[in-house]
Amino acid sequence: MKAMVHEYQLHSLCCDGCKKMTRAELPVGVREGQFGPRLQAIVAVCSGAYRLSKRATEQLVQDFFGVELSLGTIANLEHGASEALARPFEEVAQAIQHEPVVHTGRDRVVRTQ
């Protein structure tokens, strides 16, 4: 598999009069950064759920998708995924506090009251 690459070039200009820089904006729905949410999710799952080292994750992404990542980029993607999941995690944690029964997987049931 090869990664899908979408390139956006944002033109910048400097006003000769006031010296103010202006820059085009990204299209609606396009986030800043070099990597999209799918690659970020793959990196997060590899290092989180599968407990691969950063070097193993780096090699996997290179082998599977042809994308070269530095170890620092992997750490940044992990951090970004963690930030993106913080709010939903808290919402779920709060919601299950009010449930009489919580299914935790592997046929285990926890009674909260």
PDB file of N, CA and C in Angstrom:
ATOM      1  N   MET A   1       0.839  -1.183   0.000  1.00  0.00           N
ATOM      2  CA  MET A   1       0.000   0.000   0.000  1.00  0.00           C
ATOM      3  C   MET A   1       0.878   1.239   0.000  1.00  0.00           C
ATOM      4  N   LYS A   2       0.404   2.235  -0.646  1.00  0.00           N
ATOM      5  CA  LYS A   2       1.085   3.522  -0.639  1.00  0.00           C
ATOM      6  C   LYS A   2       0.174   4.555   0.011  1.00  0.00           C
ATOM      7  N   ALA A   3       0.777   5.453   0.703  1.00  0.00           N
ATOM      8  CA  ALA A   3       0.023   6.515   1.365  1.00  0.00           C
ATOM      9  C   ALA A   3      -0.587   7.445   0.324  1.00  0.00           C
ATOM     10  N   MET A   4      -1.786   7.954   0.636  1.00  0.00           N
ATOM     11  CA  MET A   4      -2.393   8.993  -0.209  1.00  0.00           C
ATOM     12  C   MET A   4      -1.779  10.325   0.209  1.00  0.00           C
ATOM     13  N   VAL A   5      -1.306  11.065  -0.756  1.00  0.00           N
ATOM     14  CA  VAL A   5      -0.674  12.348  -0.465  1.00  0.00           C
ATOM     15  C   VAL A   5      -1.505  13.457  -1.080  1.00  0.00           C
ATOM     16  N   HIS A   6      -1.895  14.413  -0.257  1.00  0.00           N
ATOM     17  CA  HIS A   6      -2.601  15.610  -0.715  1.00  0.00           C
ATOM     18  C   HIS A   6      -1.711  16.794  -0.352  1.00  0.00           C
ATOM     19  N   GLU A   7      -1.322  17.543  -1.350  1.00  0.00           N
ATOM     20  CA  GLU A   7      -0.442  18.684  -1.109  1.00  0.00           C
ATOM     21  C   GLU A   7      -1.219  19.976  -1.274  1.00  0.00           C
ATOM     22  N   TYR A   8      -1.071  20.859  -0.307  1.00  0.00           N
ATOM     23  CA  TYR A   8      -1.682  22.172  -0.365  1.00  0.00           C
ATOM     24  C   TYR A   8      -0.568  23.204  -0.276  1.00  0.00           C
ATOM     25  N   GLN A   9      -0.478  24.058  -1.262  1.00  0.00           N
ATOM     26  CA  GLN A   9       0.519  25.115  -1.255  1.00  0.00           C
ATOM     27  C   GLN A   9      -0.197  26.426  -0.953  1.00  0.00           C
ATOM     28  N   LEU A  10       0.211  27.064   0.114  1.00  0.00           N
ATOM     29  CA  LEU A  10      -0.429  28.299   0.557  1.00  0.00           C
ATOM     30  C   LEU A  10       0.474  29.477   0.198  1.00  0.00           C
ATOM     31  N   HIS A  11      -0.017  30.298  -0.691  1.00  0.00           N
ATOM     32  CA  HIS A  11       0.751  31.433  -1.185  1.00  0.00           C
ATOM     33  C   HIS A  11       0.820  32.532  -0.115  1.00  0.00           C
ATOM     34  N   SER A  12       1.982  33.100   0.070  1.00  0.00           N
ATOM     35  CA  SER A  12       2.175  34.209   1.017  1.00  0.00           C
ATOM     36  C   SER A  12       2.671  35.438   0.259  1.00  0.00           C
ATOM     37  N   LEU A  13       2.220  36.588   0.695  1.00  0.00           N
ATOM     38  CA  LEU A  13       2.658  37.851   0.102  1.00  0.00           C
ATOM     39  C   LEU A  13       2.954  38.867   1.191  1.00  0.00           C
ATOM     40  N   CYS A  14       3.898  39.730   0.901  1.00  0.00           N
ATOM     41  CA  CYS A  14       4.209  40.833   1.808  1.00  0.00           C
ATOM     42  C   CYS A  14       3.814  42.137   1.115  1.00  0.00           C
ATOM     43  N   CYS A  15       3.005  42.931   1.809  1.00  0.00           N
ATOM     44  CA  CYS A  15       2.570  44.220   1.277  1.00  0.00           C
ATOM     45  C   CYS A  15       3.769  45.176   1.252  1.00  0.00           C
ATOM     46  N   ASP A  16       4.030  45.773   0.095  1.00  0.00           N
ATOM     47  CA  ASP A  16       5.149  46.720  -0.017  1.00  0.00           C
ATOM     48  C   ASP A  16       4.929  47.960   0.837  1.00  0.00           C
ATOM     49  N   GLY A  17       3.663  48.337   1.030  1.00  0.00           N
ATOM     50  CA  GLY A  17       3.361  49.546   1.789  1.00  0.00           C
ATOM     51  C   GLY A  17       3.488  49.360   3.291  1.00  0.00           C
ATOM     52  N   CYS A  18       2.713  48.408   3.840  1.00  0.00           N
ATOM     53  CA  CYS A  18       2.675  48.256   5.301  1.00  0.00           C
ATOM     54  C   CYS A  18       3.569  47.123   5.811  1.00  0.00           C
ATOM     55  N   LYS A  19       4.119  46.350   4.908  1.00  0.00           N
ATOM     56  CA  LYS A  19       5.020  45.233   5.248  1.00  0.00           C
ATOM     57  C   LYS A  19       4.309  44.091   5.976  1.00  0.00           C
ATOM     58  N   LYS A  20       2.978  44.093   5.909  1.00  0.00           N
ATOM     59  CA  LYS A  20       2.220  43.021   6.555  1.00  0.00           C
ATOM     60  C   LYS A  20       2.211  41.783   5.645  1.00  0.00           C
ATOM     61  N   MET A  21       2.440  40.608   6.251  1.00  0.00           N
ATOM     62  CA  MET A  21       2.409  39.350   5.509  1.00  0.00           C
ATOM     63  C   MET A  21       0.991  38.790   5.520  1.00  0.00           C
ATOM     64  N   THR A  22       0.543  38.326   4.404  1.00  0.00           N
ATOM     65  CA  THR A  22      -0.732  37.623   4.315  1.00  0.00           C
ATOM     66  C   THR A  22      -0.464  36.246   3.732  1.00  0.00           C
ATOM     67  N   ARG A  23      -1.291  35.285   4.133  1.00  0.00           N
ATOM     68  CA  ARG A  23      -1.103  33.910   3.679  1.00  0.00           C
ATOM     69  C   ARG A  23      -2.469  33.297   3.400  1.00  0.00           C
ATOM     70  N   ALA A  24      -2.549  32.549   2.342  1.00  0.00           N
ATOM     71  CA  ALA A  24      -3.798  31.857   2.017  1.00  0.00           C
ATOM     72  C   ALA A  24      -4.136  30.878   3.139  1.00  0.00           C
ATOM     73  N   GLU A  25      -5.418  30.529   3.234  1.00  0.00           N
ATOM     74  CA  GLU A  25      -5.865  29.590   4.261  1.00  0.00           C
ATOM     75  C   GLU A  25      -6.086  28.221   3.656  1.00  0.00           C
ATOM     76  N   LEU A  26      -5.952  27.212   4.489  1.00  0.00           N
ATOM     77  CA  LEU A  26      -6.253  25.852   4.052  1.00  0.00           C
ATOM     78  C   LEU A  26      -7.744  25.718   3.773  1.00  0.00           C
ATOM     79  N   PRO A  27      -8.114  24.812   2.866  1.00  0.00           N
ATOM     80  CA  PRO A  27      -9.543  24.577   2.638  1.00  0.00           C
ATOM     81  C   PRO A  27     -10.222  24.096   3.921  1.00  0.00           C
ATOM     82  N   VAL A  28     -11.516  24.344   4.024  1.00  0.00           N
ATOM     83  CA  VAL A  28     -12.291  23.921   5.190  1.00  0.00           C
ATOM     84  C   VAL A  28     -12.176  22.403   5.345  1.00  0.00           C
ATOM     85  N   GLY A  29     -11.915  21.964   6.566  1.00  0.00           N
ATOM     86  CA  GLY A  29     -11.819  20.538   6.853  1.00  0.00           C
ATOM     87  C   GLY A  29     -10.425  19.972   6.736  1.00  0.00           C
ATOM     88  N   VAL A  30      -9.488  20.754   6.238  1.00  0.00           N
ATOM     89  CA  VAL A  30      -8.105  20.288   6.125  1.00  0.00           C
ATOM     90  C   VAL A  30      -7.339  20.809   7.324  1.00  0.00           C
ATOM     91  N   ARG A  31      -6.743  19.891   8.073  1.00  0.00           N
ATOM     92  CA  ARG A  31      -6.008  20.320   9.256  1.00  0.00           C
ATOM     93  C   ARG A  31      -4.548  20.577   8.914  1.00  0.00           C
ATOM     94  N   GLU A  32      -3.915  21.382   9.728  1.00  0.00           N
ATOM     95  CA  GLU A  32      -2.500  21.675   9.511  1.00  0.00           C
ATOM     96  C   GLU A  32      -1.663  20.479   9.914  1.00  0.00           C
ATOM     97  N   GLY A  33      -0.481  20.406   9.380  1.00  0.00           N
ATOM     98  CA  GLY A  33       0.436  19.325   9.710  1.00  0.00           C
ATOM     99  C   GLY A  33       0.736  18.476   8.496  1.00  0.00           C
ATOM    100  N   GLN A  34       1.734  17.653   8.642  1.00  0.00           N
ATOM    101  CA  GLN A  34       2.182  16.840   7.518  1.00  0.00           C
ATOM    102  C   GLN A  34       1.424  15.532   7.385  1.00  0.00           C
ATOM    103  N   PHE A  35       0.790  15.063   8.446  1.00  0.00           N
ATOM    104  CA  PHE A  35       0.207  13.731   8.431  1.00  0.00           C
ATOM    105  C   PHE A  35      -1.256  13.776   8.846  1.00  0.00           C
ATOM    106  N   GLY A  36      -2.042  12.922   8.235  1.00  0.00           N
ATOM    107  CA  GLY A  36      -3.468  12.899   8.494  1.00  0.00           C
ATOM    108  C   GLY A  36      -3.849  12.028   9.668  1.00  0.00           C
ATOM    109  N   PRO A  37      -5.135  12.013   9.975  1.00  0.00           N
ATOM    110  CA  PRO A  37      -5.618  11.280  11.142  1.00  0.00           C
ATOM    111  C   PRO A  37      -5.452   9.762  11.022  1.00  0.00           C
ATOM    112  N   ARG A  38      -5.476   9.221   9.823  1.00  0.00           N
ATOM    113  CA  ARG A  38      -5.324   7.766   9.674  1.00  0.00           C
ATOM    114  C   ARG A  38      -3.919   7.316  10.041  1.00  0.00           C
ATOM    115  N   LEU A  39      -2.905   8.038   9.547  1.00  0.00           N
ATOM    116  CA  LEU A  39      -1.534   7.676   9.894  1.00  0.00           C
ATOM    117  C   LEU A  39      -1.297   7.890  11.381  1.00  0.00           C
ATOM    118  N   GLN A  40      -1.855   8.958  11.912  1.00  0.00           N
ATOM    119  CA  GLN A  40      -1.722   9.220  13.353  1.00  0.00           C
ATOM    120  C   GLN A  40      -2.343   8.076  14.152  1.00  0.00           C
ATOM    121  N   ALA A  41      -3.491   7.602  13.722  1.00  0.00           N
ATOM    122  CA  ALA A  41      -4.156   6.498  14.422  1.00  0.00           C
ATOM    123  C   ALA A  41      -3.336   5.217  14.333  1.00  0.00           C
ATOM    124  N   ILE A  42      -2.747   4.937  13.183  1.00  0.00           N
ATOM    125  CA  ILE A  42      -1.927   3.739  13.030  1.00  0.00           C
ATOM    126  C   ILE A  42      -0.726   3.795  13.965  1.00  0.00           C
ATOM    127  N   VAL A  43      -0.078   4.943  14.008  1.00  0.00           N
ATOM    128  CA  VAL A  43       1.077   5.105  14.904  1.00  0.00           C
ATOM    129  C   VAL A  43       0.648   4.921  16.355  1.00  0.00           C
ATOM    130  N   ALA A  44      -0.485   5.510  16.732  1.00  0.00           N
ATOM    131  CA  ALA A  44      -0.961   5.402  18.112  1.00  0.00           C
ATOM    132  C   ALA A  44      -1.297   3.956  18.476  1.00  0.00           C
ATOM    133  N   VAL A  45      -1.932   3.227  17.574  1.00  0.00           N
ATOM    134  CA  VAL A  45      -2.277   1.827  17.850  1.00  0.00           C
ATOM    135  C   VAL A  45      -1.014   0.977  17.947  1.00  0.00           C
ATOM    136  N   CYS A  46      -0.062   1.221  17.051  1.00  0.00           N
ATOM    137  CA  CYS A  46       1.186   0.438  17.087  1.00  0.00           C
ATOM    138  C   CYS A  46       1.930   0.630  18.403  1.00  0.00           C
ATOM    139  N   SER A  47       2.061   1.879  18.805  1.00  0.00           N
ATOM    140  CA  SER A  47       2.841   2.138  20.020  1.00  0.00           C
ATOM    141  C   SER A  47       2.024   1.941  21.292  1.00  0.00           C
ATOM    142  N   GLY A  48       0.709   2.105  21.206  1.00  0.00           N
ATOM    143  CA  GLY A  48      -0.141   1.957  22.383  1.00  0.00           C
ATOM    144  C   GLY A  48      -0.629   0.534  22.570  1.00  0.00           C
ATOM    145  N   ALA A  49      -1.602   0.132  21.785  1.00  0.00           N
ATOM    146  CA  ALA A  49      -2.224  -1.185  21.942  1.00  0.00           C
ATOM    147  C   ALA A  49      -1.242  -2.323  21.665  1.00  0.00           C
ATOM    148  N   TYR A  50      -0.412  -2.170  20.622  1.00  0.00           N
ATOM    149  CA  TYR A  50       0.509  -3.248  20.259  1.00  0.00           C
ATOM    150  C   TYR A  50       1.874  -3.122  20.934  1.00  0.00           C
ATOM    151  N   ARG A  51       2.086  -2.023  21.618  1.00  0.00           N
ATOM    152  CA  ARG A  51       3.308  -1.784  22.401  1.00  0.00           C
ATOM    153  C   ARG A  51       4.606  -1.943  21.608  1.00  0.00           C
ATOM    154  N   LEU A  52       4.564  -1.481  20.370  1.00  0.00           N
ATOM    155  CA  LEU A  52       5.773  -1.485  19.561  1.00  0.00           C
ATOM    156  C   LEU A  52       6.647  -0.305  19.965  1.00  0.00           C
ATOM    157  N   SER A  53       7.930  -0.484  19.874  1.00  0.00           N
ATOM    158  CA  SER A  53       8.843   0.625  20.135  1.00  0.00           C
ATOM    159  C   SER A  53       8.701   1.658  19.022  1.00  0.00           C
ATOM    160  N   LYS A  54       9.241   2.823  19.246  1.00  0.00           N
ATOM    161  CA  LYS A  54       9.201   3.858  18.220  1.00  0.00           C
ATOM    162  C   LYS A  54       9.957   3.399  16.973  1.00  0.00           C
ATOM    163  N   ARG A  55      11.070   2.720  17.165  1.00  0.00           N
ATOM    164  CA  ARG A  55      11.835   2.223  16.014  1.00  0.00           C
ATOM    165  C   ARG A  55      11.060   1.161  15.240  1.00  0.00           C
ATOM    166  N   ALA A  56      10.381   0.267  15.949  1.00  0.00           N
ATOM    167  CA  ALA A  56       9.573  -0.754  15.270  1.00  0.00           C
ATOM    168  C   ALA A  56       8.401  -0.103  14.540  1.00  0.00           C
ATOM    169  N   THR A  57       7.792   0.898  15.154  1.00  0.00           N
ATOM    170  CA  THR A  57       6.691   1.628  14.512  1.00  0.00           C
ATOM    171  C   THR A  57       7.198   2.355  13.276  1.00  0.00           C
ATOM    172  N   GLU A  58       8.361   2.966  13.388  1.00  0.00           N
ATOM    173  CA  GLU A  58       8.991   3.653  12.256  1.00  0.00           C
ATOM    174  C   GLU A  58       9.182   2.683  11.086  1.00  0.00           C
ATOM    175  N   GLN A  59       9.677   1.495  11.372  1.00  0.00           N
ATOM    176  CA  GLN A  59       9.928   0.499  10.335  1.00  0.00           C
ATOM    177  C   GLN A  59       8.627  -0.025   9.729  1.00  0.00           C
ATOM    178  N   LEU A  60       7.624  -0.257  10.572  1.00  0.00           N
ATOM    179  CA  LEU A  60       6.339  -0.749  10.085  1.00  0.00           C
ATOM    180  C   LEU A  60       5.701   0.245   9.121  1.00  0.00           C
ATOM    181  N   VAL A  61       5.680   1.521   9.488  1.00  0.00           N
ATOM    182  CA  VAL A  61       5.075   2.550   8.643  1.00  0.00           C
ATOM    183  C   VAL A  61       5.846   2.655   7.313  1.00  0.00           C
ATOM    184  N   GLN A  62       7.158   2.537   7.377  1.00  0.00           N
ATOM    185  CA  GLN A  62       7.981   2.568   6.154  1.00  0.00           C
ATOM    186  C   GLN A  62       7.672   1.358   5.278  1.00  0.00           C
ATOM    187  N   ASP A  63       7.635   0.167   5.879  1.00  0.00           N
ATOM    188  CA  ASP A  63       7.399  -1.060   5.115  1.00  0.00           C
ATOM    189  C   ASP A  63       5.992  -1.127   4.531  1.00  0.00           C
ATOM    190  N   PHE A  64       5.001  -0.774   5.311  1.00  0.00           N
ATOM    191  CA  PHE A  64       3.616  -0.923   4.877  1.00  0.00           C
ATOM    192  C   PHE A  64       3.144   0.200   3.950  1.00  0.00           C
ATOM    193  N   PHE A  65       3.575   1.428   4.215  1.00  0.00           N
ATOM    194  CA  PHE A  65       3.010   2.576   3.514  1.00  0.00           C
ATOM    195  C   PHE A  65       4.026   3.406   2.730  1.00  0.00           C
ATOM    196  N   GLY A  66       5.310   3.094   2.868  1.00  0.00           N
ATOM    197  CA  GLY A  66       6.326   3.859   2.162  1.00  0.00           C
ATOM    198  C   GLY A  66       6.510   5.258   2.702  1.00  0.00           C
ATOM    199  N   VAL A  67       6.129   5.465   3.967  1.00  0.00           N
ATOM    200  CA  VAL A  67       6.236   6.790   4.590  1.00  0.00           C
ATOM    201  C   VAL A  67       7.398   6.762   5.576  1.00  0.00           C
ATOM    202  N   GLU A  68       8.326   7.687   5.381  1.00  0.00           N
ATOM    203  CA  GLU A  68       9.469   7.784   6.292  1.00  0.00           C
ATOM    204  C   GLU A  68       9.134   8.757   7.410  1.00  0.00           C
ATOM    205  N   LEU A  69       9.246   8.284   8.646  1.00  0.00           N
ATOM    206  CA  LEU A  69       9.000   9.105   9.825  1.00  0.00           C
ATOM    207  C   LEU A  69      10.244   9.099  10.697  1.00  0.00           C
ATOM    208  N   SER A  70      10.508  10.210  11.330  1.00  0.00           N
ATOM    209  CA  SER A  70      11.573  10.239  12.324  1.00  0.00           C
ATOM    210  C   SER A  70      11.003   9.787  13.670  1.00  0.00           C
ATOM    211  N   LEU A  71      11.874   9.447  14.587  1.00  0.00           N
ATOM    212  CA  LEU A  71      11.420   9.043  15.914  1.00  0.00           C
ATOM    213  C   LEU A  71      10.703  10.201  16.605  1.00  0.00           C
ATOM    214  N   GLY A  72      11.159  11.413  16.376  1.00  0.00           N
ATOM    215  CA  GLY A  72      10.503  12.583  16.957  1.00  0.00           C
ATOM    216  C   GLY A  72       9.106  12.793  16.401  1.00  0.00           C
ATOM    217  N   THR A  73       8.935  12.524  15.117  1.00  0.00           N
ATOM    218  CA  THR A  73       7.604  12.645  14.506  1.00  0.00           C
ATOM    219  C   THR A  73       6.656  11.616  15.094  1.00  0.00           C
ATOM    220  N   ILE A  74       7.163  10.416  15.336  1.00  0.00           N
ATOM    221  CA  ILE A  74       6.328   9.384  15.958  1.00  0.00           C
ATOM    222  C   ILE A  74       5.876   9.845  17.337  1.00  0.00           C
ATOM    223  N   ALA A  75       6.784  10.405  18.106  1.00  0.00           N
ATOM    224  CA  ALA A  75       6.426  10.916  19.434  1.00  0.00           C
ATOM    225  C   ALA A  75       5.378  12.024  19.313  1.00  0.00           C
ATOM    226  N   ASN A  76       5.532  12.908  18.330  1.00  0.00           N
ATOM    227  CA  ASN A  76       4.555  13.990  18.126  1.00  0.00           C
ATOM    228  C   ASN A  76       3.185  13.443  17.733  1.00  0.00           C
ATOM    229  N   LEU A  77       3.161  12.422  16.876  1.00  0.00           N
ATOM    230  CA  LEU A  77       1.893  11.814  16.477  1.00  0.00           C
ATOM    231  C   LEU A  77       1.227  11.119  17.661  1.00  0.00           C
ATOM    232  N   GLU A  78       2.028  10.454  18.495  1.00  0.00           N
ATOM    233  CA  GLU A  78       1.482   9.823  19.713  1.00  0.00           C
ATOM    234  C   GLU A  78       0.851  10.882  20.615  1.00  0.00           C
ATOM    235  N   HIS A  79       1.553  11.968  20.804  1.00  0.00           N
ATOM    236  CA  HIS A  79       1.070  13.046  21.668  1.00  0.00           C
ATOM    237  C   HIS A  79      -0.228  13.643  21.108  1.00  0.00           C
ATOM    238  N   GLY A  80      -0.259  13.863  19.801  1.00  0.00           N
ATOM    239  CA  GLY A  80      -1.460  14.400  19.170  1.00  0.00           C
ATOM    240  C   GLY A  80      -2.653  13.469  19.313  1.00  0.00           C
ATOM    241  N   ALA A  81      -2.418  12.168  19.180  1.00  0.00           N
ATOM    242  CA  ALA A  81      -3.503  11.190  19.347  1.00  0.00           C
ATOM    243  C   ALA A  81      -3.991  11.195  20.787  1.00  0.00           C
ATOM    244  N   SER A  82      -3.066  11.286  21.714  1.00  0.00           N
ATOM    245  CA  SER A  82      -3.427  11.330  23.130  1.00  0.00           C
ATOM    246  C   SER A  82      -4.291  12.552  23.430  1.00  0.00           C
ATOM    247  N   GLU A  83      -3.916  13.700  22.882  1.00  0.00           N
ATOM    248  CA  GLU A  83      -4.704  14.918  23.081  1.00  0.00           C
ATOM    249  C   GLU A  83      -6.090  14.797  22.448  1.00  0.00           C
ATOM    250  N   ALA A  84      -6.148  14.194  21.258  1.00  0.00           N
ATOM    251  CA  ALA A  84      -7.430  14.054  20.562  1.00  0.00           C
ATOM    252  C   ALA A  84      -8.376  13.125  21.307  1.00  0.00           C
ATOM    253  N   LEU A  85      -7.829  12.151  22.026  1.00  0.00           N
ATOM    254  CA  LEU A  85      -8.665  11.172  22.726  1.00  0.00           C
ATOM    255  C   LEU A  85      -8.979  11.559  24.168  1.00  0.00           C
ATOM    256  N   ALA A  86      -8.348  12.580  24.678  1.00  0.00           N
ATOM    257  CA  ALA A  86      -8.529  12.947  26.091  1.00  0.00           C
ATOM    258  C   ALA A  86      -9.976  13.295  26.423  1.00  0.00           C
ATOM    259  N   ARG A  87     -10.594  14.134  25.631  1.00  0.00           N
ATOM    260  CA  ARG A  87     -11.978  14.548  25.918  1.00  0.00           C
ATOM    261  C   ARG A  87     -12.961  13.382  25.786  1.00  0.00           C
ATOM    262  N   PRO A  88     -12.947  12.616  24.689  1.00  0.00           N
ATOM    263  CA  PRO A  88     -13.866  11.475  24.614  1.00  0.00           C
ATOM    264  C   PRO A  88     -13.647  10.467  25.745  1.00  0.00           C
ATOM    265  N   PHE A  89     -12.401  10.260  26.143  1.00  0.00           N
ATOM    266  CA  PHE A  89     -12.099   9.353  27.242  1.00  0.00           C
ATOM    267  C   PHE A  89     -12.761   9.835  28.528  1.00  0.00           C
ATOM    268  N   GLU A  90     -12.644  11.130  28.807  1.00  0.00           N
ATOM    269  CA  GLU A  90     -13.242  11.686  30.009  1.00  0.00           C
ATOM    270  C   GLU A  90     -14.763  11.588  29.976  1.00  0.00           C
ATOM    271  N   GLU A  91     -15.354  11.817  28.810  1.00  0.00           N
ATOM    272  CA  GLU A  91     -16.804  11.718  28.677  1.00  0.00           C
ATOM    273  C   GLU A  91     -17.285  10.290  28.974  1.00  0.00           C
ATOM    274  N   VAL A  92     -16.575   9.306  28.452  1.00  0.00           N
ATOM    275  CA  VAL A  92     -16.940   7.906  28.714  1.00  0.00           C
ATOM    276  C   VAL A  92     -16.725   7.570  30.185  1.00  0.00           C
ATOM    277  N   ALA A  93     -15.612   8.012  30.743  1.00  0.00           N
ATOM    278  CA  ALA A  93     -15.320   7.733  32.157  1.00  0.00           C
ATOM    279  C   ALA A  93     -16.415   8.301  33.057  1.00  0.00           C
ATOM    280  N   GLN A  94     -16.898   9.500  32.735  1.00  0.00           N
ATOM    281  CA  GLN A  94     -17.969  10.099  33.528  1.00  0.00           C
ATOM    282  C   GLN A  94     -19.288   9.359  33.327  1.00  0.00           C
ATOM    283  N   ALA A  95     -19.581   8.986  32.086  1.00  0.00           N
ATOM    284  CA  ALA A  95     -20.852   8.332  31.776  1.00  0.00           C
ATOM    285  C   ALA A  95     -20.974   6.970  32.456  1.00  0.00           C
ATOM    286  N   ILE A  96     -19.905   6.203  32.502  1.00  0.00           N
ATOM    287  CA  ILE A  96     -20.021   4.854  33.079  1.00  0.00           C
ATOM    288  C   ILE A  96     -20.161   4.884  34.599  1.00  0.00           C
ATOM    289  N   GLN A  97     -19.845   6.009  35.208  1.00  0.00           N
ATOM    290  CA  GLN A  97     -20.010   6.115  36.658  1.00  0.00           C
ATOM    291  C   GLN A  97     -21.478   6.038  37.060  1.00  0.00           C
ATOM    292  N   HIS A  98     -22.370   6.341  36.127  1.00  0.00           N
ATOM    293  CA  HIS A  98     -23.797   6.390  36.414  1.00  0.00           C
ATOM    294  C   HIS A  98     -24.543   5.149  35.917  1.00  0.00           C
ATOM    295  N   GLU A  99     -23.809   4.174  35.421  1.00  0.00           N
ATOM    296  CA  GLU A  99     -24.435   2.951  34.915  1.00  0.00           C
ATOM    297  C   GLU A  99     -24.433   1.874  35.994  1.00  0.00           C
ATOM    298  N   PRO A 100     -25.514   1.102  36.119  1.00  0.00           N
ATOM    299  CA  PRO A 100     -25.568   0.063  37.147  1.00  0.00           C
ATOM    300  C   PRO A 100     -24.646  -1.120  36.851  1.00  0.00           C
ATOM    301  N   VAL A 101     -24.407  -1.391  35.568  1.00  0.00           N
ATOM    302  CA  VAL A 101     -23.543  -2.512  35.181  1.00  0.00           C
ATOM    303  C   VAL A 101     -22.644  -2.054  34.039  1.00  0.00           C
ATOM    304  N   VAL A 102     -21.366  -2.408  34.128  1.00  0.00           N
ATOM    305  CA  VAL A 102     -20.416  -2.056  33.090  1.00  0.00           C
ATOM    306  C   VAL A 102     -19.786  -3.335  32.573  1.00  0.00           C
ATOM    307  N   HIS A 103     -19.873  -3.562  31.274  1.00  0.00           N
ATOM    308  CA  HIS A 103     -19.241  -4.724  30.651  1.00  0.00           C
ATOM    309  C   HIS A 103     -17.813  -4.335  30.297  1.00  0.00           C
ATOM    310  N   THR A 104     -16.841  -5.032  30.857  1.00  0.00           N
ATOM    311  CA  THR A 104     -15.451  -4.673  30.645  1.00  0.00           C
ATOM    312  C   THR A 104     -14.763  -5.548  29.619  1.00  0.00           C
ATOM    313  N   GLY A 105     -15.474  -6.471  29.016  1.00  0.00           N
ATOM    314  CA  GLY A 105     -14.864  -7.348  28.018  1.00  0.00           C
ATOM    315  C   GLY A 105     -14.458  -8.667  28.631  1.00  0.00           C
ATOM    316  N   ARG A 106     -14.185  -9.627  27.782  1.00  0.00           N
ATOM    317  CA  ARG A 106     -13.764 -10.967  28.217  1.00  0.00           C
ATOM    318  C   ARG A 106     -14.711 -11.566  29.243  1.00  0.00           C
ATOM    319  N   ASP A 107     -16.005 -11.327  28.995  1.00  0.00           N
ATOM    320  CA  ASP A 107     -17.070 -11.914  29.827  1.00  0.00           C
ATOM    321  C   ASP A 107     -17.018 -11.483  31.284  1.00  0.00           C
ATOM    322  N   ARG A 108     -16.389 -10.376  31.588  1.00  0.00           N
ATOM    323  CA  ARG A 108     -16.378  -9.850  32.955  1.00  0.00           C
ATOM    324  C   ARG A 108     -17.388  -8.719  33.052  1.00  0.00           C
ATOM    325  N   VAL A 109     -18.120  -8.702  34.136  1.00  0.00           N
ATOM    326  CA  VAL A 109     -19.092  -7.650  34.373  1.00  0.00           C
ATOM    327  C   VAL A 109     -18.779  -7.038  35.751  1.00  0.00           C
ATOM    328  N   VAL A 110     -18.774  -5.725  35.783  1.00  0.00           N
ATOM    329  CA  VAL A 110     -18.500  -5.010  37.029  1.00  0.00           C
ATOM    330  C   VAL A 110     -19.775  -4.283  37.420  1.00  0.00           C
ATOM    331  N   ARG A 111     -20.214  -4.479  38.659  1.00  0.00           N
ATOM    332  CA  ARG A 111     -21.369  -3.735  39.155  1.00  0.00           C
ATOM    333  C   ARG A 111     -20.847  -2.469  39.810  1.00  0.00           C
ATOM    334  N   THR A 112     -21.365  -1.343  39.384  1.00  0.00           N
ATOM    335  CA  THR A 112     -20.861  -0.060  39.891  1.00  0.00           C
ATOM    336  C   THR A 112     -21.606   0.406  41.128  1.00  0.00           C
ATOM    337  N   GLN A 113     -22.771  -0.231  41.455  1.00  0.00           N
ATOM    338  CA  GLN A 113     -23.520   0.207  42.629  1.00  0.00           C
ATOM    339  C   GLN A 113     -23.765  -0.946  43.578  1.00  0.00           C
TER     340      GLN A 113
END
